[in-house]
């Protein structure tokens, strides 16, 4: 079982918040639900698994994964 964290990097926010998730699929769903804009990171411990950046218009948003 993976121990993943979704860390949100909201634009203009001084503090970051994060949520623990059981797997990568749940991490992507949590990011989609909780990040209106800005970016998020998926981490396994201290290791960066992926950086997510939400782009596009509000009617058709999409994620850029790096």
C-alpha atoms as a PDB file:
ATOM      1  CA  UNK A   1       0.000   0.000   0.000  1.00  0.00           C
ATOM      2  CA  UNK A   2       1.343   3.405  -0.956  1.00  0.00           C
ATOM      3  CA  UNK A   3       1.501   6.285   1.490  1.00  0.00           C
ATOM      4  CA  UNK A   4       0.827   9.265  -0.755  1.00  0.00           C
ATOM      5  CA  UNK A   5       0.131  12.902   0.024  1.00  0.00           C
ATOM      6  CA  UNK A   6      -1.532  15.468  -2.199  1.00  0.00           C
ATOM      7  CA  UNK A   7      -0.064  18.888  -1.371  1.00  0.00           C
ATOM      8  CA  UNK A   8      -1.925  21.921  -2.705  1.00  0.00           C
ATOM      9  CA  UNK A   9      -0.010  25.039  -3.775  1.00  0.00           C
ATOM     10  CA  UNK A  10      -2.757  27.606  -4.132  1.00  0.00           C
ATOM     11  CA  UNK A  11      -1.879  30.862  -5.858  1.00  0.00           C
ATOM     12  CA  UNK A  12      -1.524  33.735  -3.414  1.00  0.00           C
ATOM     13  CA  UNK A  13      -1.827  31.492  -0.350  1.00  0.00           C
ATOM     14  CA  UNK A  14       0.856  31.754   2.296  1.00  0.00           C
ATOM     15  CA  UNK A  15       0.333  28.220   3.614  1.00  0.00           C
ATOM     16  CA  UNK A  16       0.089  24.916   1.788  1.00  0.00           C
ATOM     17  CA  UNK A  17      -2.297  22.201   2.870  1.00  0.00           C
ATOM     18  CA  UNK A  18      -2.135  18.500   2.185  1.00  0.00           C
ATOM     19  CA  UNK A  19      -4.214  15.343   2.372  1.00  0.00           C
ATOM     20  CA  UNK A  20      -3.092  11.724   2.761  1.00  0.00           C
ATOM     21  CA  UNK A  21      -4.467   9.315   0.150  1.00  0.00           C
ATOM     22  CA  UNK A  22      -4.136   5.536  -0.279  1.00  0.00           C
ATOM     23  CA  UNK A  23      -3.218   5.405  -3.987  1.00  0.00           C
ATOM     24  CA  UNK A  24      -2.503   7.404  -7.149  1.00  0.00           C
ATOM     25  CA  UNK A  25      -6.066   7.158  -8.465  1.00  0.00           C
ATOM     26  CA  UNK A  26      -7.460   8.644  -5.273  1.00  0.00           C
ATOM     27  CA  UNK A  27      -4.750  11.323  -5.357  1.00  0.00           C
ATOM     28  CA  UNK A  28      -5.913  12.476  -8.788  1.00  0.00           C
ATOM     29  CA  UNK A  29      -9.575  12.509  -7.729  1.00  0.00           C
ATOM     30  CA  UNK A  30      -8.741  14.484  -4.567  1.00  0.00           C
ATOM     31  CA  UNK A  31      -6.742  17.000  -6.607  1.00  0.00           C
ATOM     32  CA  UNK A  32      -9.600  17.426  -9.090  1.00  0.00           C
ATOM     33  CA  UNK A  33     -12.168  18.023  -6.350  1.00  0.00           C
ATOM     34  CA  UNK A  34     -10.073  20.305  -4.114  1.00  0.00           C
ATOM     35  CA  UNK A  35      -7.979  22.441  -6.467  1.00  0.00           C
ATOM     36  CA  UNK A  36      -9.974  25.137  -8.223  1.00  0.00           C
ATOM     37  CA  UNK A  37      -6.795  26.678  -9.595  1.00  0.00           C
ATOM     38  CA  UNK A  38      -3.100  26.705  -8.907  1.00  0.00           C
ATOM     39  CA  UNK A  39      -1.113  23.524  -8.668  1.00  0.00           C
ATOM     40  CA  UNK A  40      -0.689  20.405  -6.583  1.00  0.00           C
ATOM     41  CA  UNK A  41       2.028  17.875  -5.880  1.00  0.00           C
ATOM     42  CA  UNK A  42       1.695  14.164  -5.296  1.00  0.00           C
ATOM     43  CA  UNK A  43       4.380  12.915  -2.911  1.00  0.00           C
ATOM     44  CA  UNK A  44       5.383   9.560  -1.508  1.00  0.00           C
ATOM     45  CA  UNK A  45       7.076  10.540   1.717  1.00  0.00           C
ATOM     46  CA  UNK A  46       9.537  13.249   0.687  1.00  0.00           C
ATOM     47  CA  UNK A  47       9.816  11.955  -2.906  1.00  0.00           C
ATOM     48  CA  UNK A  48       7.977  13.997  -5.538  1.00  0.00           C
ATOM     49  CA  UNK A  49       5.867  11.646  -7.661  1.00  0.00           C
ATOM     50  CA  UNK A  50       4.166  14.250  -9.890  1.00  0.00           C
ATOM     51  CA  UNK A  51       3.449  17.963 -10.191  1.00  0.00           C
ATOM     52  CA  UNK A  52      -0.049  18.868 -11.348  1.00  0.00           C
ATOM     53  CA  UNK A  53      -1.086  22.215 -12.803  1.00  0.00           C
ATOM     54  CA  UNK A  54      -4.714  22.966 -13.602  1.00  0.00           C
ATOM     55  CA  UNK A  55      -5.215  24.922 -16.820  1.00  0.00           C
ATOM     56  CA  UNK A  56      -7.996  25.837 -19.188  1.00  0.00           C
ATOM     57  CA  UNK A  57     -11.303  27.583 -18.789  1.00  0.00           C
ATOM     58  CA  UNK A  58     -13.720  26.791 -15.976  1.00  0.00           C
ATOM     59  CA  UNK A  59     -16.018  24.854 -18.342  1.00  0.00           C
ATOM     60  CA  UNK A  60     -13.166  22.724 -19.748  1.00  0.00           C
ATOM     61  CA  UNK A  61     -10.281  22.502 -17.269  1.00  0.00           C
ATOM     62  CA  UNK A  62      -7.456  20.030 -17.747  1.00  0.00           C
ATOM     63  CA  UNK A  63      -4.360  18.978 -15.812  1.00  0.00           C
ATOM     64  CA  UNK A  64      -0.770  19.236 -16.983  1.00  0.00           C
ATOM     65  CA  UNK A  65       1.257  16.498 -15.292  1.00  0.00           C
ATOM     66  CA  UNK A  66       4.993  16.884 -14.867  1.00  0.00           C
END
